[in-house]
Amino acid sequence: MFRSQFGLIGKAAKSASLFKTQQSRLYASGALSKNDIQSRIFDVLKSFDKVKGENLTEQASFTNDLGLDSLDAVEVVMAIEEEFAIEIPDAEADAIQNVNQAIEYIAKTPEAH
């Protein structure tokens, strides 16, 4: 009987120490720099065939400057979500129309990594 009770206590203790370890890891990474965010967003945009490198600037509009249609712009936002492991609510995603807006959104999102 002692053995089975100790086994439960031992599992709980291991589980608690594992939780503390994982919890401290969540706080170990720092915020992303704007330069890092910009570089990664540029890389995402360069992966789209329609985007030409010479048109890619921080102020570039997805549709007017980069030549993307509305469906492409939605795909860009989805690719940015995947790149930074976040989910952008639809209303906020619709408001992201250029590179700078994407950078600013990621910079203010603490879950982005």
C-alpha atoms as a PDB file:
ATOM      1  CA  MET A   1       0.000   0.000   0.000  1.00  0.00           C
ATOM      2  CA  PHE A   2       2.798   2.416   0.880  1.00  0.00           C
ATOM      3  CA  ARG A   3       4.336   1.781  -2.494  1.00  0.00           C
ATOM      4  CA  SER A   4       1.192   2.712  -4.424  1.00  0.00           C
ATOM      5  CA  GLN A   5       0.700   5.874  -2.356  1.00  0.00           C
ATOM      6  CA  PHE A   6       4.335   6.853  -2.816  1.00  0.00           C
ATOM      7  CA  GLY A   7       3.982   6.253  -6.535  1.00  0.00           C
ATOM      8  CA  LEU A   8       1.139   8.766  -6.725  1.00  0.00           C
ATOM      9  CA  ILE A   9       3.059  11.302  -4.644  1.00  0.00           C
ATOM     10  CA  GLY A  10       6.176  10.731  -6.737  1.00  0.00           C
ATOM     11  CA  LYS A  11       4.252  11.288  -9.968  1.00  0.00           C
ATOM     12  CA  ALA A  12       2.704  14.469  -8.591  1.00  0.00           C
ATOM     13  CA  ALA A  13       6.117  15.760  -7.492  1.00  0.00           C
ATOM     14  CA  LYS A  14       7.633  15.001 -10.901  1.00  0.00           C
ATOM     15  CA  SER A  15       4.699  16.646 -12.610  1.00  0.00           C
ATOM     16  CA  ALA A  16       4.993  19.760 -10.431  1.00  0.00           C
ATOM     17  CA  SER A  17       8.718  20.102 -11.085  1.00  0.00           C
ATOM     18  CA  LEU A  18       8.136  19.634 -14.818  1.00  0.00           C
ATOM     19  CA  PHE A  19       5.510  22.389 -14.748  1.00  0.00           C
ATOM     20  CA  LYS A  20       7.924  24.781 -13.032  1.00  0.00           C
ATOM     21  CA  THR A  21      10.586  24.027 -15.626  1.00  0.00           C
ATOM     22  CA  GLN A  22       8.226  24.630 -18.522  1.00  0.00           C
ATOM     23  CA  GLN A  23       6.827  27.733 -16.898  1.00  0.00           C
ATOM     24  CA  SER A  24      10.282  29.278 -16.536  1.00  0.00           C
ATOM     25  CA  ARG A  25      11.041  28.490 -20.174  1.00  0.00           C
ATOM     26  CA  LEU A  26       8.085  30.566 -21.294  1.00  0.00           C
ATOM     27  CA  TYR A  27       9.702  33.642 -19.815  1.00  0.00           C
ATOM     28  CA  ALA A  28      13.203  32.874 -21.062  1.00  0.00           C
ATOM     29  CA  SER A  29      12.796  34.350 -24.526  1.00  0.00           C
ATOM     30  CA  GLY A  30      12.903  38.099 -25.001  1.00  0.00           C
ATOM     31  CA  ALA A  31      10.779  40.275 -27.212  1.00  0.00           C
ATOM     32  CA  LEU A  32      11.549  40.304 -30.911  1.00  0.00           C
ATOM     33  CA  SER A  33      13.407  43.310 -32.258  1.00  0.00           C
ATOM     34  CA  LYS A  34      11.778  45.312 -35.043  1.00  0.00           C
ATOM     35  CA  ASN A  35      14.757  44.522 -37.292  1.00  0.00           C
ATOM     36  CA  ASP A  36      14.230  40.794 -36.742  1.00  0.00           C
ATOM     37  CA  ILE A  37      10.502  41.142 -37.373  1.00  0.00           C
ATOM     38  CA  GLN A  38      11.106  43.155 -40.559  1.00  0.00           C
ATOM     39  CA  SER A  39      13.643  40.656 -41.850  1.00  0.00           C
ATOM     40  CA  ARG A  40      11.319  37.717 -41.260  1.00  0.00           C
ATOM     41  CA  ILE A  41       8.333  39.473 -42.838  1.00  0.00           C
ATOM     42  CA  PHE A  42      10.475  40.383 -45.864  1.00  0.00           C
ATOM     43  CA  ASP A  43      11.454  36.701 -46.150  1.00  0.00           C
ATOM     44  CA  VAL A  44       7.780  35.692 -46.016  1.00  0.00           C
ATOM     45  CA  LEU A  45       6.925  38.203 -48.742  1.00  0.00           C
ATOM     46  CA  LYS A  46       9.860  37.129 -50.933  1.00  0.00           C
ATOM     47  CA  SER A  47       8.412  33.613 -50.936  1.00  0.00           C
ATOM     48  CA  PHE A  48       5.476  34.912 -53.019  1.00  0.00           C
ATOM     49  CA  ASP A  49       6.189  34.758 -56.760  1.00  0.00           C
ATOM     50  CA  LYS A  50       4.434  38.062 -57.486  1.00  0.00           C
ATOM     51  CA  VAL A  51       6.622  40.045 -55.058  1.00  0.00           C
ATOM     52  CA  LYS A  52       9.688  41.622 -56.622  1.00  0.00           C
ATOM     53  CA  GLY A  53      12.558  42.395 -54.263  1.00  0.00           C
ATOM     54  CA  GLU A  54      13.091  45.920 -55.582  1.00  0.00           C
ATOM     55  CA  ASN A  55       9.526  46.890 -54.578  1.00  0.00           C
ATOM     56  CA  LEU A  56       9.866  45.537 -51.060  1.00  0.00           C
ATOM     57  CA  THR A  57      10.157  48.336 -48.502  1.00  0.00           C
ATOM     58  CA  GLU A  58       8.806  48.894 -45.024  1.00  0.00           C
ATOM     59  CA  GLN A  59       6.162  51.268 -46.432  1.00  0.00           C
ATOM     60  CA  ALA A  60       5.106  48.967 -49.306  1.00  0.00           C
ATOM     61  CA  SER A  61       1.399  48.301 -49.692  1.00  0.00           C
ATOM     62  CA  PHE A  62       0.569  44.651 -50.357  1.00  0.00           C
ATOM     63  CA  THR A  63      -1.750  45.522 -53.254  1.00  0.00           C
ATOM     64  CA  ASN A  64      -0.539  48.849 -54.679  1.00  0.00           C
ATOM     65  CA  ASP A  65       3.246  48.423 -54.400  1.00  0.00           C
ATOM     66  CA  LEU A  66       3.773  44.668 -54.339  1.00  0.00           C
ATOM     67  CA  GLY A  67       1.127  43.783 -56.928  1.00  0.00           C
ATOM     68  CA  LEU A  68      -0.778  41.326 -54.760  1.00  0.00           C
ATOM     69  CA  ASP A  69      -4.520  40.881 -55.131  1.00  0.00           C
ATOM     70  CA  SER A  70      -6.872  40.653 -52.148  1.00  0.00           C
ATOM     71  CA  LEU A  71      -6.578  36.859 -51.948  1.00  0.00           C
ATOM     72  CA  ASP A  72      -2.777  37.115 -52.015  1.00  0.00           C
ATOM     73  CA  ALA A  73      -2.935  39.685 -49.199  1.00  0.00           C
ATOM     74  CA  VAL A  74      -4.968  37.238 -47.098  1.00  0.00           C
ATOM     75  CA  GLU A  75      -2.387  34.525 -47.827  1.00  0.00           C
ATOM     76  CA  VAL A  76       0.408  36.907 -46.782  1.00  0.00           C
ATOM     77  CA  VAL A  77      -1.258  37.514 -43.422  1.00  0.00           C
ATOM     78  CA  MET A  78      -1.753  33.755 -42.979  1.00  0.00           C
ATOM     79  CA  ALA A  79       1.929  33.168 -43.780  1.00  0.00           C
ATOM     80  CA  ILE A  80       2.894  35.829 -41.230  1.00  0.00           C
ATOM     81  CA  GLU A  81       0.704  34.087 -38.640  1.00  0.00           C
ATOM     82  CA  GLU A  82       2.520  30.843 -39.356  1.00  0.00           C
ATOM     83  CA  GLU A  83       5.966  32.467 -39.294  1.00  0.00           C
ATOM     84  CA  PHE A  84       5.401  34.008 -35.863  1.00  0.00           C
ATOM     85  CA  ALA A  85       3.205  31.199 -34.445  1.00  0.00           C
ATOM     86  CA  ILE A  86       0.254  33.477 -33.693  1.00  0.00           C
ATOM     87  CA  GLU A  87      -3.364  33.819 -34.724  1.00  0.00           C
ATOM     88  CA  ILE A  88      -4.513  37.239 -35.871  1.00  0.00           C
ATOM     89  CA  PRO A  89      -8.251  37.900 -35.435  1.00  0.00           C
ATOM     90  CA  ASP A  90     -10.054  38.507 -38.742  1.00  0.00           C
ATOM     91  CA  ALA A  91     -10.902  42.153 -38.029  1.00  0.00           C
ATOM     92  CA  GLU A  92      -7.258  42.930 -37.231  1.00  0.00           C
ATOM     93  CA  ALA A  93      -5.987  40.862 -40.162  1.00  0.00           C
ATOM     94  CA  ASP A  94      -8.184  42.870 -42.534  1.00  0.00           C
ATOM     95  CA  ALA A  95      -6.564  46.075 -41.255  1.00  0.00           C
ATOM     96  CA  ILE A  96      -3.036  44.889 -42.156  1.00  0.00           C
ATOM     97  CA  GLN A  97      -2.574  46.317 -45.648  1.00  0.00           C
ATOM     98  CA  ASN A  98       1.158  47.056 -45.787  1.00  0.00           C
ATOM     99  CA  VAL A  99       4.501  45.851 -44.499  1.00  0.00           C
ATOM    100  CA  ASN A 100       4.759  48.456 -41.734  1.00  0.00           C
ATOM    101  CA  GLN A 101       1.337  47.550 -40.331  1.00  0.00           C
ATOM    102  CA  ALA A 102       2.410  43.904 -40.205  1.00  0.00           C
ATOM    103  CA  ILE A 103       5.667  44.806 -38.431  1.00  0.00           C
ATOM    104  CA  GLU A 104       3.844  46.982 -35.888  1.00  0.00           C
ATOM    105  CA  TYR A 105       1.230  44.289 -35.232  1.00  0.00           C
ATOM    106  CA  ILE A 106       3.876  41.629 -34.572  1.00  0.00           C
ATOM    107  CA  ALA A 107       5.913  44.028 -32.409  1.00  0.00           C
ATOM    108  CA  LYS A 108       2.935  44.653 -30.111  1.00  0.00           C
ATOM    109  CA  THR A 109       2.013  40.951 -29.888  1.00  0.00           C
ATOM    110  CA  PRO A 110       3.848  39.364 -26.935  1.00  0.00           C
ATOM    111  CA  GLU A 111       2.934  35.808 -28.038  1.00  0.00           C
ATOM    112  CA  ALA A 112       4.859  36.204 -31.298  1.00  0.00           C
ATOM    113  CA  HIS A 113       8.122  34.322 -31.486  1.00  0.00           C
END
